[in-house]
Amino acid sequence: MDSGLVYASRAYQAPAGLPATWPIINCPSHSERAAAYFVDRLTYTATGSSRIARAVTDVVTLEAGPEIFAHPNNLIAALRGPLKPELTEPPLTAEERQAVDYA
């Protein structure tokens, strides 16, 4: 079987957590809730870590299977959270700010 088809079938077997956020409709199990939390945590970590962003993108685009999230480095990164701090304002240069004309 083509690896893309394997990843596609896994994608259908393990949706991205939407049912786990609607307990009235689906009543998710503890493992489904844990998986949904882990996906949320990885997505949050990806906002400040290019390595995790790449892993998430590879899984979402079916270039890799979700088992890459089980790599110890990825698990530790998910526990730590983003490496870069949140931005308090857009990262514009002085010229760009002038062009936008911030008041």
PDB file of N, CA and C in Angstrom:
ATOM      1  N   MET A   1       0.844  -1.187   0.000  1.00  0.00           N
ATOM      2  CA  MET A   1       0.000   0.000   0.000  1.00  0.00           C
ATOM      3  C   MET A   1       0.885   1.244   0.000  1.00  0.00           C
ATOM      4  N   ASP A   2       0.520   2.218  -0.775  1.00  0.00           N
ATOM      5  CA  ASP A   2       1.256   3.473  -0.850  1.00  0.00           C
ATOM      6  C   ASP A   2       1.247   4.153   0.511  1.00  0.00           C
ATOM      7  N   SER A   3       2.393   4.697   0.929  1.00  0.00           N
ATOM      8  CA  SER A   3       2.474   5.310   2.261  1.00  0.00           C
ATOM      9  C   SER A   3       1.490   6.459   2.415  1.00  0.00           C
ATOM     10  N   GLY A   4       1.196   7.180   1.340  1.00  0.00           N
ATOM     11  CA  GLY A   4       0.213   8.260   1.424  1.00  0.00           C
ATOM     12  C   GLY A   4      -1.165   7.742   1.779  1.00  0.00           C
ATOM     13  N   LEU A   5      -1.507   6.559   1.251  1.00  0.00           N
ATOM     14  CA  LEU A   5      -2.796   5.958   1.580  1.00  0.00           C
ATOM     15  C   LEU A   5      -2.839   5.497   3.022  1.00  0.00           C
ATOM     16  N   VAL A   6      -1.717   4.989   3.518  1.00  0.00           N
ATOM     17  CA  VAL A   6      -1.656   4.576   4.920  1.00  0.00           C
ATOM     18  C   VAL A   6      -1.905   5.782   5.810  1.00  0.00           C
ATOM     19  N   TYR A   7      -1.238   6.887   5.530  1.00  0.00           N
ATOM     20  CA  TYR A   7      -1.414   8.087   6.347  1.00  0.00           C
ATOM     21  C   TYR A   7      -2.827   8.636   6.209  1.00  0.00           C
ATOM     22  N   ALA A   8      -3.399   8.555   5.015  1.00  0.00           N
ATOM     23  CA  ALA A   8      -4.767   9.034   4.820  1.00  0.00           C
ATOM     24  C   ALA A   8      -5.740   8.201   5.632  1.00  0.00           C
ATOM     25  N   SER A   9      -5.553   6.880   5.667  1.00  0.00           N
ATOM     26  CA  SER A   9      -6.470   6.054   6.444  1.00  0.00           C
ATOM     27  C   SER A   9      -6.317   6.349   7.932  1.00  0.00           C
ATOM     28  N   ARG A  10      -5.080   6.606   8.384  1.00  0.00           N
ATOM     29  CA  ARG A  10      -4.878   6.981   9.785  1.00  0.00           C
ATOM     30  C   ARG A  10      -5.551   8.316  10.085  1.00  0.00           C
ATOM     31  N   ALA A  11      -5.518   9.209   9.116  1.00  0.00           N
ATOM     32  CA  ALA A  11      -6.151  10.508   9.316  1.00  0.00           C
ATOM     33  C   ALA A  11      -7.650  10.343   9.515  1.00  0.00           C
ATOM     34  N   TYR A  12      -8.258   9.402   8.808  1.00  0.00           N
ATOM     35  CA  TYR A  12      -9.683   9.160   8.994  1.00  0.00           C
ATOM     36  C   TYR A  12      -9.959   8.434  10.305  1.00  0.00           C
ATOM     37  N   GLN A  13      -9.035   7.608  10.741  1.00  0.00           N
ATOM     38  CA  GLN A  13      -9.233   6.869  11.986  1.00  0.00           C
ATOM     39  C   GLN A  13      -9.067   7.767  13.206  1.00  0.00           C
ATOM     40  N   ALA A  14      -8.219   8.769  13.129  1.00  0.00           N
ATOM     41  CA  ALA A  14      -7.947   9.636  14.263  1.00  0.00           C
ATOM     42  C   ALA A  14      -8.152  11.083  13.856  1.00  0.00           C
ATOM     43  N   PRO A  15      -9.393  11.565  13.857  1.00  0.00           N
ATOM     44  CA  PRO A  15      -9.632  12.958  13.472  1.00  0.00           C
ATOM     45  C   PRO A  15      -8.930  13.923  14.415  1.00  0.00           C
ATOM     46  N   ALA A  16      -8.860  15.164  14.016  1.00  0.00           N
ATOM     47  CA  ALA A  16      -8.043  16.164  14.705  1.00  0.00           C
ATOM     48  C   ALA A  16      -8.609  16.643  16.024  1.00  0.00           C
ATOM     49  N   GLY A  17      -9.491  15.902  16.648  1.00  0.00           N
ATOM     50  CA  GLY A  17      -9.941  16.257  17.984  1.00  0.00           C
ATOM     51  C   GLY A  17     -11.279  16.958  18.049  1.00  0.00           C
ATOM     52  N   LEU A  18     -11.931  17.223  16.934  1.00  0.00           N
ATOM     53  CA  LEU A  18     -13.208  17.931  16.968  1.00  0.00           C
ATOM     54  C   LEU A  18     -14.243  17.193  17.797  1.00  0.00           C
ATOM     55  N   PRO A  19     -14.451  15.881  17.603  1.00  0.00           N
ATOM     56  CA  PRO A  19     -15.456  15.207  18.424  1.00  0.00           C
ATOM     57  C   PRO A  19     -15.107  15.239  19.910  1.00  0.00           C
ATOM     58  N   ALA A  20     -13.847  15.255  20.245  1.00  0.00           N
ATOM     59  CA  ALA A  20     -13.454  15.257  21.650  1.00  0.00           C
ATOM     60  C   ALA A  20     -13.806  16.564  22.339  1.00  0.00           C
ATOM     61  N   THR A  21     -14.052  17.604  21.583  1.00  0.00           N
ATOM     62  CA  THR A  21     -14.418  18.884  22.198  1.00  0.00           C
ATOM     63  C   THR A  21     -15.933  19.014  22.337  1.00  0.00           C
ATOM     64  N   TRP A  22     -16.689  18.054  21.834  1.00  0.00           N
ATOM     65  CA  TRP A  22     -18.158  18.078  21.929  1.00  0.00           C
ATOM     66  C   TRP A  22     -18.629  16.845  22.688  1.00  0.00           C
ATOM     67  N   PRO A  23     -18.457  16.809  24.007  1.00  0.00           N
ATOM     68  CA  PRO A  23     -18.779  15.596  24.756  1.00  0.00           C
ATOM     69  C   PRO A  23     -20.261  15.209  24.710  1.00  0.00           C
ATOM     70  N   ILE A  24     -21.162  16.155  24.505  1.00  0.00           N
ATOM     71  CA  ILE A  24     -22.587  15.830  24.458  1.00  0.00           C
ATOM     72  C   ILE A  24     -22.879  14.954  23.240  1.00  0.00           C
ATOM     73  N   ILE A  25     -22.205  15.225  22.144  1.00  0.00           N
ATOM     74  CA  ILE A  25     -22.454  14.484  20.916  1.00  0.00           C
ATOM     75  C   ILE A  25     -21.720  13.145  20.919  1.00  0.00           C
ATOM     76  N   ASN A  26     -20.473  13.127  21.394  1.00  0.00           N
ATOM     77  CA  ASN A  26     -19.633  11.951  21.195  1.00  0.00           C
ATOM     78  C   ASN A  26     -19.238  11.235  22.480  1.00  0.00           C
ATOM     79  N   CYS A  27     -19.227  11.898  23.619  1.00  0.00           N
ATOM     80  CA  CYS A  27     -18.745  11.316  24.869  1.00  0.00           C
ATOM     81  C   CYS A  27     -17.371  10.663  24.659  1.00  0.00           C
ATOM     82  N   PRO A  28     -16.343  11.471  24.446  1.00  0.00           N
ATOM     83  CA  PRO A  28     -15.014  10.910  24.154  1.00  0.00           C
ATOM     84  C   PRO A  28     -14.432  10.161  25.346  1.00  0.00           C
ATOM     85  N   SER A  29     -13.622   9.183  25.040  1.00  0.00           N
ATOM     86  CA  SER A  29     -12.934   8.427  26.078  1.00  0.00           C
ATOM     87  C   SER A  29     -11.780   9.261  26.626  1.00  0.00           C
ATOM     88  N   HIS A  30     -11.185   8.768  27.692  1.00  0.00           N
ATOM     89  CA  HIS A  30     -10.039   9.481  28.282  1.00  0.00           C
ATOM     90  C   HIS A  30      -8.875   9.542  27.295  1.00  0.00           C
ATOM     91  N   SER A  31      -8.673   8.468  26.536  1.00  0.00           N
ATOM     92  CA  SER A  31      -7.567   8.474  25.573  1.00  0.00           C
ATOM     93  C   SER A  31      -7.831   9.468  24.444  1.00  0.00           C
ATOM     94  N   GLU A  32      -9.088   9.619  24.032  1.00  0.00           N
ATOM     95  CA  GLU A  32      -9.416  10.601  22.993  1.00  0.00           C
ATOM     96  C   GLU A  32      -9.221  12.022  23.512  1.00  0.00           C
ATOM     97  N   ARG A  33      -9.597  12.247  24.753  1.00  0.00           N
ATOM     98  CA  ARG A  33      -9.383  13.569  25.348  1.00  0.00           C
ATOM     99  C   ARG A  33      -7.892  13.880  25.480  1.00  0.00           C
ATOM    100  N   ALA A  34      -7.119  12.874  25.884  1.00  0.00           N
ATOM    101  CA  ALA A  34      -5.669  13.062  26.007  1.00  0.00           C
ATOM    102  C   ALA A  34      -5.055  13.345  24.643  1.00  0.00           C
ATOM    103  N   ALA A  35      -5.505  12.628  23.608  1.00  0.00           N
ATOM    104  CA  ALA A  35      -4.986  12.856  22.262  1.00  0.00           C
ATOM    105  C   ALA A  35      -5.354  14.255  21.776  1.00  0.00           C
ATOM    106  N   ALA A  36      -6.578  14.702  22.060  1.00  0.00           N
ATOM    107  CA  ALA A  36      -6.997  16.050  21.652  1.00  0.00           C
ATOM    108  C   ALA A  36      -6.169  17.109  22.373  1.00  0.00           C
ATOM    109  N   TYR A  37      -5.907  16.893  23.674  1.00  0.00           N
ATOM    110  CA  TYR A  37      -5.074  17.842  24.420  1.00  0.00           C
ATOM    111  C   TYR A  37      -3.667  17.867  23.845  1.00  0.00           C
ATOM    112  N   PHE A  38      -3.127  16.700  23.508  1.00  0.00           N
ATOM    113  CA  PHE A  38      -1.772  16.625  22.967  1.00  0.00           C
ATOM    114  C   PHE A  38      -1.685  17.351  21.628  1.00  0.00           C
ATOM    115  N   VAL A  39      -2.700  17.186  20.765  1.00  0.00           N
ATOM    116  CA  VAL A  39      -2.717  17.894  19.478  1.00  0.00           C
ATOM    117  C   VAL A  39      -2.778  19.401  19.714  1.00  0.00           C
ATOM    118  N   ASP A  40      -3.601  19.836  20.665  1.00  0.00           N
ATOM    119  CA  ASP A  40      -3.670  21.262  20.998  1.00  0.00           C
ATOM    120  C   ASP A  40      -2.321  21.772  21.495  1.00  0.00           C
ATOM    121  N   ARG A  41      -1.673  20.998  22.340  1.00  0.00           N
ATOM    122  CA  ARG A  41      -0.377  21.395  22.899  1.00  0.00           C
ATOM    123  C   ARG A  41       0.694  21.452  21.804  1.00  0.00           C
ATOM    124  N   LEU A  42       0.678  20.483  20.890  1.00  0.00           N
ATOM    125  CA  LEU A  42       1.637  20.505  19.781  1.00  0.00           C
ATOM    126  C   LEU A  42       1.410  21.715  18.881  1.00  0.00           C
ATOM    127  N   THR A  43       0.151  22.031  18.633  1.00  0.00           N
ATOM    128  CA  THR A  43      -0.163  23.189  17.793  1.00  0.00           C
ATOM    129  C   THR A  43       0.320  24.463  18.457  1.00  0.00           C
ATOM    130  N   TYR A  44       0.117  24.582  19.765  1.00  0.00           N
ATOM    131  CA  TYR A  44       0.593  25.749  20.514  1.00  0.00           C
ATOM    132  C   TYR A  44       2.119  25.801  20.485  1.00  0.00           C
ATOM    133  N   THR A  45       2.770  24.669  20.681  1.00  0.00           N
ATOM    134  CA  THR A  45       4.237  24.615  20.666  1.00  0.00           C
ATOM    135  C   THR A  45       4.771  24.997  19.285  1.00  0.00           C
ATOM    136  N   ALA A  46       4.050  24.625  18.232  1.00  0.00           N
ATOM    137  CA  ALA A  46       4.479  24.928  16.865  1.00  0.00           C
ATOM    138  C   ALA A  46       4.518  26.430  16.598  1.00  0.00           C
ATOM    139  N   THR A  47       3.795  27.232  17.390  1.00  0.00           N
ATOM    140  CA  THR A  47       3.821  28.676  17.174  1.00  0.00           C
ATOM    141  C   THR A  47       5.171  29.287  17.506  1.00  0.00           C
ATOM    142  N   GLY A  48       5.986  28.596  18.289  1.00  0.00           N
ATOM    143  CA  GLY A  48       7.294  29.136  18.642  1.00  0.00           C
ATOM    144  C   GLY A  48       8.437  28.178  18.415  1.00  0.00           C
ATOM    145  N   SER A  49       8.206  27.103  17.689  1.00  0.00           N
ATOM    146  CA  SER A  49       9.256  26.121  17.429  1.00  0.00           C
ATOM    147  C   SER A  49       9.132  25.646  15.987  1.00  0.00           C
ATOM    148  N   SER A  50      10.101  26.008  15.174  1.00  0.00           N
ATOM    149  CA  SER A  50      10.028  25.643  13.754  1.00  0.00           C
ATOM    150  C   SER A  50      10.114  24.135  13.552  1.00  0.00           C
ATOM    151  N   ARG A  51      10.839  23.437  14.417  1.00  0.00           N
ATOM    152  CA  ARG A  51      10.956  21.982  14.290  1.00  0.00           C
ATOM    153  C   ARG A  51       9.602  21.301  14.517  1.00  0.00           C
ATOM    154  N   ILE A  52       8.875  21.741  15.523  1.00  0.00           N
ATOM    155  CA  ILE A  52       7.559  21.166  15.791  1.00  0.00           C
ATOM    156  C   ILE A  52       6.562  21.616  14.724  1.00  0.00           C
ATOM    157  N   ALA A  53       6.698  22.862  14.261  1.00  0.00           N
ATOM    158  CA  ALA A  53       5.821  23.337  13.184  1.00  0.00           C
ATOM    159  C   ALA A  53       5.991  22.464  11.948  1.00  0.00           C
ATOM    160  N   ARG A  54       7.221  22.085  11.654  1.00  0.00           N
ATOM    161  CA  ARG A  54       7.490  21.220  10.494  1.00  0.00           C
ATOM    162  C   ARG A  54       6.865  19.844  10.696  1.00  0.00           C
ATOM    163  N   ALA A  55       6.988  19.293  11.909  1.00  0.00           N
ATOM    164  CA  ALA A  55       6.413  17.981  12.187  1.00  0.00           C
ATOM    165  C   ALA A  55       4.892  18.018  12.066  1.00  0.00           C
ATOM    166  N   VAL A  56       4.269  19.047  12.620  1.00  0.00           N
ATOM    167  CA  VAL A  56       2.816  19.184  12.528  1.00  0.00           C
ATOM    168  C   VAL A  56       2.392  19.324  11.071  1.00  0.00           C
ATOM    169  N   THR A  57       3.107  20.137  10.315  1.00  0.00           N
ATOM    170  CA  THR A  57       2.789  20.323   8.898  1.00  0.00           C
ATOM    171  C   THR A  57       2.940  19.020   8.127  1.00  0.00           C
ATOM    172  N   ASP A  58       3.986  18.260   8.419  1.00  0.00           N
ATOM    173  CA  ASP A  58       4.178  16.984   7.734  1.00  0.00           C
ATOM    174  C   ASP A  58       3.033  16.016   8.001  1.00  0.00           C
ATOM    175  N   VAL A  59       2.535  15.982   9.225  1.00  0.00           N
ATOM    176  CA  VAL A  59       1.429  15.086   9.551  1.00  0.00           C
ATOM    177  C   VAL A  59       0.126  15.582   8.923  1.00  0.00           C
ATOM    178  N   VAL A  60      -0.126  16.884   9.003  1.00  0.00           N
ATOM    179  CA  VAL A  60      -1.367  17.437   8.454  1.00  0.00           C
ATOM    180  C   VAL A  60      -1.430  17.258   6.939  1.00  0.00           C
ATOM    181  N   THR A  61      -0.300  17.386   6.273  1.00  0.00           N
ATOM    182  CA  THR A  61      -0.274  17.220   4.813  1.00  0.00           C
ATOM    183  C   THR A  61      -0.050  15.768   4.392  1.00  0.00           C
ATOM    184  N   LEU A  62      -0.074  14.855   5.374  1.00  0.00           N
ATOM    185  CA  LEU A  62       0.073  13.418   5.135  1.00  0.00           C
ATOM    186  C   LEU A  62       1.430  13.046   4.548  1.00  0.00           C
ATOM    187  N   GLU A  63       2.440  13.878   4.783  1.00  0.00           N
ATOM    188  CA  GLU A  63       3.808  13.547   4.368  1.00  0.00           C
ATOM    189  C   GLU A  63       4.437  12.572   5.355  1.00  0.00           C
ATOM    190  N   ALA A  64       3.942  12.552   6.583  1.00  0.00           N
ATOM    191  CA  ALA A  64       4.449  11.658   7.623  1.00  0.00           C
ATOM    192  C   ALA A  64       3.278  11.200   8.475  1.00  0.00           C
ATOM    193  N   GLY A  65       3.473  10.112   9.157  1.00  0.00           N
ATOM    194  CA  GLY A  65       2.430   9.596  10.031  1.00  0.00           C
ATOM    195  C   GLY A  65       2.509  10.221  11.407  1.00  0.00           C
ATOM    196  N   PRO A  66       1.451  10.104  12.185  1.00  0.00           N
ATOM    197  CA  PRO A  66       1.418  10.717  13.508  1.00  0.00           C
ATOM    198  C   PRO A  66       2.412  10.110  14.493  1.00  0.00           C
ATOM    199  N   GLU A  67       3.016   8.983  14.141  1.00  0.00           N
ATOM    200  CA  GLU A  67       3.982   8.374  15.050  1.00  0.00           C
ATOM    201  C   GLU A  67       5.225   9.245  15.248  1.00  0.00           C
ATOM    202  N   ILE A  68       5.466  10.224  14.368  1.00  0.00           N
ATOM    203  CA  ILE A  68       6.632  11.102  14.571  1.00  0.00           C
ATOM    204  C   ILE A  68       6.462  11.962  15.816  1.00  0.00           C
ATOM    205  N   PHE A  69       5.218  12.139  16.276  1.00  0.00           N
ATOM    206  CA  PHE A  69       5.005  12.905  17.504  1.00  0.00           C
ATOM    207  C   PHE A  69       5.477  12.137  18.732  1.00  0.00           C
ATOM    208  N   ALA A  70       5.619  10.814  18.623  1.00  0.00           N
ATOM    209  CA  ALA A  70       6.049   9.998  19.749  1.00  0.00           C
ATOM    210  C   ALA A  70       7.562  10.006  19.942  1.00  0.00           C
ATOM    211  N   HIS A  71       8.293  10.666  19.050  1.00  0.00           N
ATOM    212  CA  HIS A  71       9.751  10.758  19.212  1.00  0.00           C
ATOM    213  C   HIS A  71      10.029  11.524  20.513  1.00  0.00           C
ATOM    214  N   PRO A  72      10.970  11.056  21.323  1.00  0.00           N
ATOM    215  CA  PRO A  72      11.242  11.709  22.611  1.00  0.00           C
ATOM    216  C   PRO A  72      11.492  13.218  22.512  1.00  0.00           C
ATOM    217  N   ASN A  73      12.211  13.653  21.481  1.00  0.00           N
ATOM    218  CA  ASN A  73      12.471  15.091  21.343  1.00  0.00           C
ATOM    219  C   ASN A  73      11.179  15.880  21.137  1.00  0.00           C
ATOM    220  N   ASN A  74      10.235  15.301  20.395  1.00  0.00           N
ATOM    221  CA  ASN A  74       8.960  15.980  20.165  1.00  0.00           C
ATOM    222  C   ASN A  74       8.096  15.979  21.415  1.00  0.00           C
ATOM    223  N   LEU A  75       8.136  14.896  22.177  1.00  0.00           N
ATOM    224  CA  LEU A  75       7.378  14.847  23.427  1.00  0.00           C
ATOM    225  C   LEU A  75       7.905  15.883  24.427  1.00  0.00           C
ATOM    226  N   ILE A  76       9.219  15.992  24.522  1.00  0.00           N
ATOM    227  CA  ILE A  76       9.822  16.977  25.434  1.00  0.00           C
ATOM    228  C   ILE A  76       9.494  18.386  24.972  1.00  0.00           C
ATOM    229  N   ALA A  77       9.543  18.625  23.667  1.00  0.00           N
ATOM    230  CA  ALA A  77       9.211  19.951  23.139  1.00  0.00           C
ATOM    231  C   ALA A  77       7.765  20.316  23.453  1.00  0.00           C
ATOM    232  N   ALA A  78       6.861  19.346  23.352  1.00  0.00           N
ATOM    233  CA  ALA A  78       5.455  19.610  23.658  1.00  0.00           C
ATOM    234  C   ALA A  78       5.284  19.951  25.132  1.00  0.00           C
ATOM    235  N   LEU A  79       6.035  19.311  25.995  1.00  0.00           N
ATOM    236  CA  LEU A  79       5.966  19.628  27.429  1.00  0.00           C
ATOM    237  C   LEU A  79       6.512  21.018  27.724  1.00  0.00           C
ATOM    238  N   ARG A  80       7.597  21.380  27.051  1.00  0.00           N
ATOM    239  CA  ARG A  80       8.215  22.699  27.270  1.00  0.00           C
ATOM    240  C   ARG A  80       7.370  23.840  26.728  1.00  0.00           C
ATOM    241  N   GLY A  81       6.737  23.615  25.593  1.00  0.00           N
ATOM    242  CA  GLY A  81       5.974  24.676  24.947  1.00  0.00           C
ATOM    243  C   GLY A  81       6.833  25.423  23.943  1.00  0.00           C
ATOM    244  N   PRO A  82       6.331  26.544  23.429  1.00  0.00           N
ATOM    245  CA  PRO A  82       7.076  27.292  22.405  1.00  0.00           C
ATOM    246  C   PRO A  82       8.421  27.794  22.930  1.00  0.00           C
ATOM    247  N   LEU A  83       9.428  27.773  22.059  1.00  0.00           N
ATOM    248  CA  LEU A  83      10.753  28.267  22.431  1.00  0.00           C
ATOM    249  C   LEU A  83      10.815  29.792  22.385  1.00  0.00           C
ATOM    250  N   LYS A  84      10.063  30.375  21.471  1.00  0.00           N
ATOM    251  CA  LYS A  84      10.069  31.831  21.313  1.00  0.00           C
ATOM    252  C   LYS A  84       8.894  32.433  22.080  1.00  0.00           C
ATOM    253  N   PRO A  85       9.099  33.619  22.666  1.00  0.00           N
ATOM    254  CA  PRO A  85       7.987  34.256  23.387  1.00  0.00           C
ATOM    255  C   PRO A  85       6.920  34.765  22.420  1.00  0.00           C
ATOM    256  N   GLU A  86       5.708  34.958  22.962  1.00  0.00           N
ATOM    257  CA  GLU A  86       4.631  35.511  22.143  1.00  0.00           C
ATOM    258  C   GLU A  86       4.970  36.932  21.743  1.00  0.00           C
ATOM    259  N   LEU A  87       4.553  37.308  20.543  1.00  0.00           N
ATOM    260  CA  LEU A  87       4.770  38.671  20.077  1.00  0.00           C
ATOM    261  C   LEU A  87       3.761  39.607  20.741  1.00  0.00           C
ATOM    262  N   THR A  88       4.227  40.772  21.152  1.00  0.00           N
ATOM    263  CA  THR A  88       3.320  41.761  21.730  1.00  0.00           C
ATOM    264  C   THR A  88       2.821  42.738  20.673  1.00  0.00           C
ATOM    265  N   GLU A  89       3.543  42.795  19.567  1.00  0.00           N
ATOM    266  CA  GLU A  89       3.149  43.655  18.446  1.00  0.00           C
ATOM    267  C   GLU A  89       3.732  43.061  17.170  1.00  0.00           C
ATOM    268  N   PRO A  90       3.273  43.506  16.008  1.00  0.00           N
ATOM    269  CA  PRO A  90       3.807  42.959  14.753  1.00  0.00           C
ATOM    270  C   PRO A  90       5.310  43.219  14.633  1.00  0.00           C
ATOM    271  N   PRO A  91       6.069  42.257  14.127  1.00  0.00           N
ATOM    272  CA  PRO A  91       7.511  42.409  13.989  1.00  0.00           C
ATOM    273  C   PRO A  91       7.882  43.211  12.735  1.00  0.00           C
ATOM    274  N   LEU A  92       7.628  44.499  12.775  1.00  0.00           N
ATOM    275  CA  LEU A  92       7.898  45.362  11.624  1.00  0.00           C
ATOM    276  C   LEU A  92       9.154  46.190  11.852  1.00  0.00           C
ATOM    277  N   THR A  93       9.855  46.479  10.767  1.00  0.00           N
ATOM    278  CA  THR A  93      10.995  47.381  10.852  1.00  0.00           C
ATOM    279  C   THR A  93      10.468  48.809  10.945  1.00  0.00           C
ATOM    280  N   ALA A  94      11.369  49.758  11.219  1.00  0.00           N
ATOM    281  CA  ALA A  94      10.966  51.163  11.308  1.00  0.00           C
ATOM    282  C   ALA A  94      10.369  51.650   9.991  1.00  0.00           C
ATOM    283  N   GLU A  95      10.965  51.230   8.878  1.00  0.00           N
ATOM    284  CA  GLU A  95      10.434  51.621   7.566  1.00  0.00           C
ATOM    285  C   GLU A  95       9.055  51.041   7.332  1.00  0.00           C
ATOM    286  N   GLU A  96       8.846  49.810   7.715  1.00  0.00           N
ATOM    287  CA  GLU A  96       7.545  49.188   7.541  1.00  0.00           C
ATOM    288  C   GLU A  96       6.492  49.860   8.419  1.00  0.00           C
ATOM    289  N   ARG A  97       6.880  50.211   9.641  1.00  0.00           N
ATOM    290  CA  ARG A  97       5.947  50.918  10.526  1.00  0.00           C
ATOM    291  C   ARG A  97       5.557  52.267   9.941  1.00  0.00           C
ATOM    292  N   GLN A  98       6.521  52.941   9.368  1.00  0.00           N
ATOM    293  CA  GLN A  98       6.242  54.242   8.771  1.00  0.00           C
ATOM    294  C   GLN A  98       5.311  54.083   7.568  1.00  0.00           C
ATOM    295  N   ALA A  99       5.524  53.038   6.788  1.00  0.00           N
ATOM    296  CA  ALA A  99       4.666  52.793   5.627  1.00  0.00           C
ATOM    297  C   ALA A  99       3.233  52.496   6.040  1.00  0.00           C
ATOM    298  N   VAL A 100       3.075  51.790   7.158  1.00  0.00           N
ATOM    299  CA  VAL A 100       1.741  51.461   7.643  1.00  0.00           C
ATOM    300  C   VAL A 100       1.119  52.677   8.329  1.00  0.00           C
ATOM    301  N   ASP A 101       1.964  53.592   8.777  1.00  0.00           N
ATOM    302  CA  ASP A 101       1.525  54.817   9.427  1.00  0.00           C
ATOM    303  C   ASP A 101       0.776  54.571  10.728  1.00  0.00           C
ATOM    304  N   TYR A 102       1.516  53.983  11.664  1.00  0.00           N
ATOM    305  CA  TYR A 102       0.956  53.806  13.005  1.00  0.00           C
ATOM    306  C   TYR A 102       0.805  55.192  13.635  1.00  0.00           C
ATOM    307  N   ALA A 103      -0.330  55.434  14.220  1.00  0.00           N
ATOM    308  CA  ALA A 103      -0.598  56.754  14.798  1.00  0.00           C
ATOM    309  C   ALA A 103      -0.074  56.854  16.198  1.00  0.00           C
TER     310      ALA A 103
END
